[in-house]
Amino acid sequence: MSVFPKTVSFSKNASNVFFHILTGCNLACRHCYINKTQHGNSLVSAADMEAWLALFARRSPRAQVIFLGGEPTLHPDLPDAVRAAKRLGYASVTVDTNGYLFHDFLEKVSPSDLDFLSFSLDGATRSMNDEIRGAGCYDTCLHGIRKAVDKGFSTSLIYTVSHMNFHELENMPSLLARLGIREFFIQVIGIRGKSAESGGKGLQLTRDTWMKTVPKVAEAVAASGIGVTYPKVFLDDGEDFECAGCVADNYFIFPNGRVYRCPLCEDYPIHAHEIRESSLVDAPRLNESDFFKLSIPEGCVMNKMIQPDNLSYGPDGKPEYRVACCLLKQRIDPAG
């Protein structure tokens, strides 16, 4: 088997820094989770990017950093931030992009600077993807992937599964192989940002549909030699629930200095921490950290509070299954 570079890990004891360096974007995806009222609408300055990277490198020396937006390549100082993360000793450096790759990004970084360039695509076909992400996105993203692969970058792809596009997931293994993708991330749609604004009804898959669709596709992708990470979402009978807020070390940083530990909370001012003068301080109580240790029959407390439509109850009022933490995921190593 080939030696794969590291990228974000969604497991117990993992340490990840999800750094939103801006909230602006050239697209208007139907399921975008950015909420500028809660996250801010400015760019993180070059000085603050390096200071904040240093802050979390000291706090979590084995952390992996992921640069996000909005669209992070819209930030002119992203290449310098990538190299700063490398100098600071992050275990891996990833950039998530929609594929437009602004400011000649691929000309300003090298494969040695970046462990993974991660692209977002939400359909195996042009029509499906562009219905969700906007006209022209499919072709632009595929062009960006091919250019990155030709230049020697390790590439991954994120597919956010919802009722809009789950039927095309089975067509992804062959597309991923043709594109030269090395890692595939299947993501469950979160009812936050634009999805929450629209009510979110009917967007999440039922337990039966998820179980019949996602694990099978994940196995097929791994069999083709591509690593796969996907959320379990629904726990098996008798399986213990664990919250990443208690067993992992994840930080979601936004331009206004808010730092969340759980992405489900990002529509609300209940962030666990804040960055003040390049120091990390605890936010006022109550905040998300107060909820992580609660035990409920439904499993994830945040899911029950914020996006409960994927829960189901029997005639006795008891939940028919438990929902897993969205940050603790299944991993299938590539075959071959």
Protein backbone atom coordinates (compact mmCIF):
# COMPACT_ATOMS: atom_id res chain seq x y z
CA MET A 1 0.00 0.00 0.00
CA SER A 2 1.16 3.54 -0.77
CA VAL A 3 2.16 5.77 2.11
CA PHE A 4 -0.51 8.43 2.46
CA PRO A 5 0.11 11.86 3.95
CA LYS A 6 -1.86 12.81 7.02
CA THR A 7 -5.02 14.85 7.03
CA VAL A 8 -7.86 15.63 9.42
CA SER A 9 -8.75 12.72 11.71
CA PHE A 10 -12.20 12.17 13.20
CA SER A 11 -11.45 9.74 15.99
CA LYS A 12 -11.02 9.51 19.74
CA ASN A 13 -7.97 11.44 20.96
CA ALA A 14 -7.70 13.30 17.64
CA SER A 15 -6.63 16.94 17.67
CA ASN A 16 -7.85 19.20 14.84
CA VAL A 17 -7.88 22.96 14.32
CA PHE A 18 -10.56 24.04 11.84
CA PHE A 19 -9.47 27.59 11.03
CA HIS A 20 -12.07 29.72 9.21
CA ILE A 21 -9.84 32.55 7.99
CA LEU A 22 -12.76 34.43 6.41
CA THR A 23 -16.49 33.97 5.90
CA GLY A 24 -16.76 35.43 2.39
CA CYS A 25 -17.30 33.17 -0.60
CA ASN A 26 -17.88 33.46 -4.34
CA LEU A 27 -20.64 30.82 -4.16
CA ALA A 28 -24.03 30.60 -2.46
CA CYS A 29 -24.40 26.86 -1.80
CA ARG A 30 -27.84 25.78 -0.64
CA HIS A 31 -26.45 24.04 2.45
CA CYS A 32 -23.74 26.56 3.45
CA TYR A 33 -23.27 26.55 7.23
CA ILE A 34 -21.62 29.97 7.55
CA ASN A 35 -23.61 32.42 9.68
CA LYS A 36 -22.00 35.84 9.46
CA THR A 37 -24.08 37.16 12.36
CA GLN A 38 -22.40 34.59 14.60
CA HIS A 39 -19.04 34.19 12.83
CA GLY A 40 -18.14 37.70 11.66
CA ASN A 41 -17.66 39.01 8.13
CA SER A 42 -14.03 40.10 8.06
CA LEU A 43 -10.78 38.42 7.05
CA VAL A 44 -8.41 37.32 9.77
CA SER A 45 -5.33 39.51 9.31
CA ALA A 46 -2.00 37.96 8.35
CA ALA A 47 -0.59 38.83 11.78
CA ASP A 48 -3.56 37.28 13.60
CA MET A 49 -3.45 34.15 11.46
CA GLU A 50 0.13 33.47 12.51
CA ALA A 51 -0.53 34.40 16.14
CA TRP A 52 -3.63 32.21 16.35
CA LEU A 53 -1.86 29.32 14.64
CA ALA A 54 0.94 29.61 17.20
CA LEU A 55 -1.59 29.69 20.03
CA PHE A 56 -3.15 26.36 19.04
CA ALA A 57 0.16 24.77 18.08
CA ARG A 58 1.31 25.35 21.66
CA ARG A 59 -1.96 24.08 23.09
CA SER A 60 -2.13 20.93 20.93
CA PRO A 61 1.36 20.06 19.63
CA ARG A 62 0.06 17.09 17.61
CA ALA A 63 -2.83 19.00 16.03
CA GLN A 64 -3.73 18.95 12.36
CA VAL A 65 -4.89 22.24 10.86
CA ILE A 66 -7.55 22.73 8.19
CA PHE A 67 -7.94 26.15 6.54
CA LEU A 68 -11.56 26.92 5.66
CA GLY A 69 -13.91 29.79 4.80
CA GLY A 70 -16.12 30.78 3.17
CA GLU A 71 -13.63 30.11 0.40
CA PRO A 72 -10.13 30.27 1.94
CA THR A 73 -8.30 30.87 -1.36
CA LEU A 74 -10.04 34.26 -1.50
CA HIS A 75 -7.68 35.30 1.31
CA PRO A 76 -4.51 36.70 -0.31
CA ASP A 77 -2.37 35.67 2.67
CA LEU A 78 -3.38 31.99 2.69
CA PRO A 79 -0.07 30.75 1.17
CA ASP A 80 1.88 32.47 3.96
CA ALA A 81 -0.47 30.98 6.57
CA VAL A 82 0.06 27.50 5.11
CA ARG A 83 3.82 27.85 5.39
CA ALA A 84 3.51 29.30 8.89
CA ALA A 85 1.51 26.23 9.97
CA LYS A 86 4.29 24.01 8.66
CA ARG A 87 6.95 26.00 10.52
CA LEU A 88 4.92 25.77 13.72
CA GLY A 89 4.96 21.98 13.54
CA TYR A 90 1.36 21.04 12.79
CA ALA A 91 1.09 17.32 12.09
CA SER A 92 -0.63 18.07 8.79
CA VAL A 93 -1.88 21.07 6.84
CA THR A 94 -5.04 20.92 4.70
CA VAL A 95 -6.91 23.55 2.70
CA ASP A 96 -10.61 23.05 1.92
CA THR A 97 -11.68 24.71 -1.34
CA ASN A 98 -14.55 24.89 -3.78
CA GLY A 99 -12.04 24.51 -6.60
CA TYR A 100 -11.87 28.06 -7.94
CA LEU A 101 -8.39 28.46 -6.42
CA PHE A 102 -8.21 32.23 -6.36
CA HIS A 103 -5.03 34.36 -6.27
CA ASP A 104 -3.16 31.70 -8.31
CA PHE A 105 -3.04 29.60 -5.14
CA LEU A 106 -1.46 26.55 -6.82
CA GLU A 107 1.37 28.72 -8.13
CA LYS A 108 2.15 30.09 -4.66
CA VAL A 109 2.36 26.85 -2.65
CA SER A 110 4.03 23.54 -3.34
CA PRO A 111 3.08 19.95 -2.47
CA SER A 112 5.72 20.09 0.26
CA ASP A 113 3.86 23.00 1.90
CA LEU A 114 0.48 21.29 1.91
CA ASP A 115 -0.43 17.75 2.95
CA PHE A 116 -3.88 17.80 1.33
CA LEU A 117 -5.93 20.05 -0.89
CA SER A 118 -9.55 19.12 -0.24
CA PHE A 119 -12.27 19.88 -2.79
CA SER A 120 -16.04 20.06 -2.26
CA LEU A 121 -18.38 18.39 -4.74
CA ASP A 122 -22.02 17.54 -4.03
CA GLY A 123 -23.03 15.52 -7.04
CA ALA A 124 -21.55 12.92 -9.36
CA THR A 125 -23.11 14.81 -12.27
CA ARG A 126 -22.91 18.43 -13.38
CA SER A 127 -26.66 18.95 -13.05
CA MET A 128 -26.88 17.68 -9.45
CA ASN A 129 -23.80 19.45 -8.15
CA ASP A 130 -24.64 22.76 -9.81
CA GLU A 131 -28.22 22.66 -8.53
CA ILE A 132 -26.76 22.72 -5.01
CA ARG A 133 -23.60 24.78 -5.46
CA GLY A 134 -24.30 27.01 -8.46
CA ALA A 135 -23.90 27.02 -12.24
CA GLY A 136 -20.40 26.21 -13.45
CA CYS A 137 -19.14 24.81 -10.13
CA TYR A 138 -18.85 21.20 -11.29
CA ASP A 139 -16.59 21.92 -14.26
CA THR A 140 -14.51 24.44 -12.31
CA CYS A 141 -14.00 22.03 -9.41
CA LEU A 142 -12.98 19.15 -11.68
CA HIS A 143 -10.56 21.43 -13.53
CA GLY A 144 -9.05 22.50 -10.21
CA ILE A 145 -8.66 18.89 -9.05
CA ARG A 146 -6.95 17.83 -12.27
CA LYS A 147 -4.60 20.79 -12.14
CA ALA A 148 -3.71 20.06 -8.51
CA VAL A 149 -3.10 16.36 -9.21
CA ASP A 150 -0.93 17.21 -12.23
CA LYS A 151 1.19 19.46 -10.00
CA GLY A 152 1.69 16.64 -7.49
CA PHE A 153 -0.69 17.75 -4.71
CA SER A 154 -2.47 15.09 -2.64
CA THR A 155 -6.18 15.70 -3.09
CA SER A 156 -9.27 14.72 -1.16
CA LEU A 157 -12.95 15.29 -1.86
CA ILE A 158 -15.87 16.11 0.44
CA TYR A 159 -19.44 15.08 -0.46
CA THR A 160 -22.20 16.40 1.80
CA VAL A 161 -25.04 13.87 1.69
CA SER A 162 -28.67 14.97 1.86
CA HIS A 163 -31.99 13.97 0.35
CA MET A 164 -31.09 16.19 -2.59
CA ASN A 165 -28.11 14.14 -3.74
CA PHE A 166 -27.82 10.78 -1.92
CA HIS A 167 -28.95 8.93 -5.06
CA GLU A 168 -25.76 10.00 -6.87
CA LEU A 169 -23.40 8.84 -4.14
CA GLU A 170 -23.17 5.37 -5.71
CA ASN A 171 -21.65 6.93 -8.83
CA MET A 172 -18.78 8.56 -6.94
CA PRO A 173 -16.26 5.65 -6.76
CA SER A 174 -15.55 5.67 -10.48
CA LEU A 175 -15.39 9.49 -10.63
CA LEU A 176 -12.96 9.64 -7.71
CA ALA A 177 -10.69 7.08 -9.35
CA ARG A 178 -10.70 8.96 -12.67
CA LEU A 179 -9.80 12.21 -10.91
CA GLY A 180 -6.90 10.76 -8.90
CA ILE A 181 -8.46 11.56 -5.51
CA ARG A 182 -6.63 9.97 -2.57
CA GLU A 183 -9.12 10.52 0.28
CA PHE A 184 -12.92 10.70 0.27
CA PHE A 185 -14.95 12.32 3.05
CA ILE A 186 -18.67 11.63 3.18
CA GLN A 187 -20.35 14.26 5.31
CA VAL A 188 -23.87 14.34 6.74
CA ILE A 189 -25.74 17.58 6.17
CA GLY A 190 -26.03 19.70 9.30
CA ILE A 191 -29.12 21.77 9.95
CA ARG A 192 -27.30 25.06 10.44
CA GLY A 193 -26.62 28.16 8.41
CA LYS A 194 -28.74 28.18 5.23
CA SER A 195 -30.20 24.74 5.96
CA ALA A 196 -31.51 26.00 9.28
CA GLU A 197 -32.86 29.19 7.70
CA SER A 198 -34.92 27.11 5.26
CA GLY A 199 -36.27 24.93 8.08
CA GLY A 200 -34.15 21.91 7.21
CA LYS A 201 -37.18 19.68 6.80
CA GLY A 202 -36.51 16.55 4.80
CA LEU A 203 -32.82 17.26 4.16
CA GLN A 204 -31.36 14.59 6.44
CA LEU A 205 -31.58 10.95 5.45
CA THR A 206 -33.62 8.52 7.47
CA ARG A 207 -31.75 5.82 9.34
CA ASP A 208 -32.82 3.14 6.84
CA THR A 209 -31.77 5.17 3.79
CA TRP A 210 -28.43 6.11 5.35
CA MET A 211 -27.61 2.53 6.33
CA LYS A 212 -28.57 1.17 2.89
CA THR A 213 -26.57 3.78 1.00
CA VAL A 214 -23.50 5.19 2.74
CA PRO A 215 -21.57 2.17 4.15
CA LYS A 216 -21.92 0.32 0.83
CA VAL A 217 -20.49 3.24 -1.14
CA ALA A 218 -17.69 3.71 1.40
CA GLU A 219 -16.65 0.07 1.00
CA ALA A 220 -16.66 0.41 -2.79
CA VAL A 221 -14.48 3.53 -2.66
CA ALA A 222 -11.98 1.89 -0.30
CA ALA A 223 -11.86 -1.20 -2.53
CA SER A 224 -10.74 1.05 -5.39
CA GLY A 225 -7.70 2.17 -3.39
CA ILE A 226 -9.03 5.42 -1.91
CA GLY A 227 -9.23 6.10 1.83
CA VAL A 228 -12.74 6.84 3.14
CA THR A 229 -14.03 8.64 6.23
CA TYR A 230 -17.75 8.88 6.94
CA PRO A 231 -19.98 9.59 9.93
CA LYS A 232 -21.66 6.68 11.62
CA VAL A 233 -24.66 8.91 12.47
CA PHE A 234 -26.77 6.10 13.94
CA LEU A 235 -25.35 3.91 16.70
CA ASP A 236 -25.84 0.16 16.71
CA ASP A 237 -28.02 -1.42 19.39
CA GLY A 238 -26.07 -1.51 22.64
CA GLU A 239 -23.26 0.67 21.32
CA ASP A 240 -22.03 3.30 23.76
CA PHE A 241 -22.34 6.97 22.90
CA GLU A 242 -19.20 9.11 23.14
CA CYS A 243 -18.92 12.87 22.59
CA ALA A 244 -15.86 14.29 20.86
CA GLY A 245 -16.12 17.23 23.24
CA CYS A 246 -15.02 14.80 25.97
CA VAL A 247 -12.72 12.37 24.13
CA ALA A 248 -11.10 14.49 21.38
CA ASP A 249 -9.57 17.95 20.99
CA ASN A 250 -11.28 19.86 18.17
CA TYR A 251 -11.42 23.63 17.74
CA PHE A 252 -13.52 25.54 15.20
CA ILE A 253 -12.10 29.08 14.95
CA PHE A 254 -13.95 31.98 13.32
CA PRO A 255 -12.82 35.48 12.26
CA ASN A 256 -14.59 37.19 15.16
CA GLY A 257 -12.50 35.16 17.62
CA ARG A 258 -15.16 32.67 18.63
CA VAL A 259 -13.92 29.12 19.15
CA TYR A 260 -16.42 26.28 19.16
CA ARG A 261 -15.82 22.66 20.10
CA CYS A 262 -18.92 21.26 18.34
CA PRO A 263 -19.96 22.35 14.83
CA LEU A 264 -23.65 21.80 15.57
CA CYS A 265 -23.52 24.79 17.92
CA GLU A 266 -22.22 27.33 15.43
CA ASP A 267 -25.56 29.08 14.83
CA TYR A 268 -25.66 30.11 18.48
CA PRO A 269 -23.51 32.24 20.84
CA ILE A 270 -22.69 29.26 23.05
CA HIS A 271 -19.05 28.85 21.98
CA ALA A 272 -16.75 27.33 24.57
CA HIS A 273 -13.84 29.75 24.08
CA GLU A 274 -12.85 33.12 22.69
CA ILE A 275 -9.54 34.48 21.43
CA ARG A 276 -8.65 37.74 23.14
CA GLU A 277 -5.31 39.41 22.46
CA SER A 278 -3.94 36.14 21.08
CA SER A 279 -4.91 34.23 24.23
CA LEU A 280 -7.59 31.54 24.47
CA VAL A 281 -10.09 32.22 27.25
CA ASP A 282 -13.20 30.40 28.37
CA ALA A 283 -16.46 31.96 27.24
CA PRO A 284 -19.11 32.88 29.83
CA ARG A 285 -21.24 30.03 31.15
CA LEU A 286 -23.49 28.40 30.15
CA ASN A 287 -21.80 27.32 26.93
CA GLU A 288 -21.48 24.22 24.78
CA SER A 289 -18.91 22.61 27.09
CA ASP A 290 -21.57 22.39 29.82
CA PHE A 291 -23.67 20.11 27.60
CA PHE A 292 -21.04 17.63 26.47
CA LYS A 293 -21.15 15.45 29.59
CA LEU A 294 -24.93 15.16 29.71
CA SER A 295 -26.33 11.68 29.08
CA ILE A 296 -29.64 11.27 27.29
CA PRO A 297 -31.36 8.25 25.70
CA GLU A 298 -31.07 9.84 22.24
CA GLY A 299 -27.25 9.89 22.33
CA CYS A 300 -25.95 13.26 21.11
CA VAL A 301 -27.32 16.09 23.25
CA MET A 302 -26.55 18.70 20.59
CA ASN A 303 -28.39 16.72 17.94
CA LYS A 304 -31.44 16.48 20.21
CA MET A 305 -31.36 20.21 20.92
CA ILE A 306 -30.45 21.62 17.52
CA GLN A 307 -31.43 19.19 14.74
CA PRO A 308 -33.82 16.58 16.19
CA ASP A 309 -35.59 15.68 12.94
CA ASN A 310 -33.36 12.64 12.41
CA LEU A 311 -34.66 11.10 15.64
CA SER A 312 -37.53 8.64 15.83
CA TYR A 313 -39.60 7.53 18.81
CA GLY A 314 -41.71 4.45 19.53
CA PRO A 315 -45.27 4.38 20.87
CA ASP A 316 -43.83 4.38 24.41
CA GLY A 317 -42.07 7.69 23.74
CA LYS A 318 -38.60 6.14 23.88
CA PRO A 319 -36.08 6.75 21.07
CA GLU A 320 -35.88 3.90 18.58
CA TYR A 321 -32.12 4.43 18.15
CA ARG A 322 -29.28 6.69 19.29
CA VAL A 323 -27.45 9.31 17.25
CA ALA A 324 -23.63 9.29 17.27
CA CYS A 325 -21.33 12.28 17.67
CA CYS A 326 -20.80 13.93 14.28
CA LEU A 327 -17.06 14.29 14.98
CA LEU A 328 -16.33 10.61 15.65
CA LYS A 329 -16.41 8.86 12.29
CA GLN A 330 -15.76 5.57 10.57
CA ARG A 331 -12.47 5.18 8.69
CA ILE A 332 -11.81 2.59 5.97
CA ASP A 333 -8.23 2.35 4.78
CA PRO A 334 -7.69 1.94 1.04
CA ALA A 335 -7.33 -1.58 -0.31
CA GLY A 336 -4.29 -2.63 -2.25
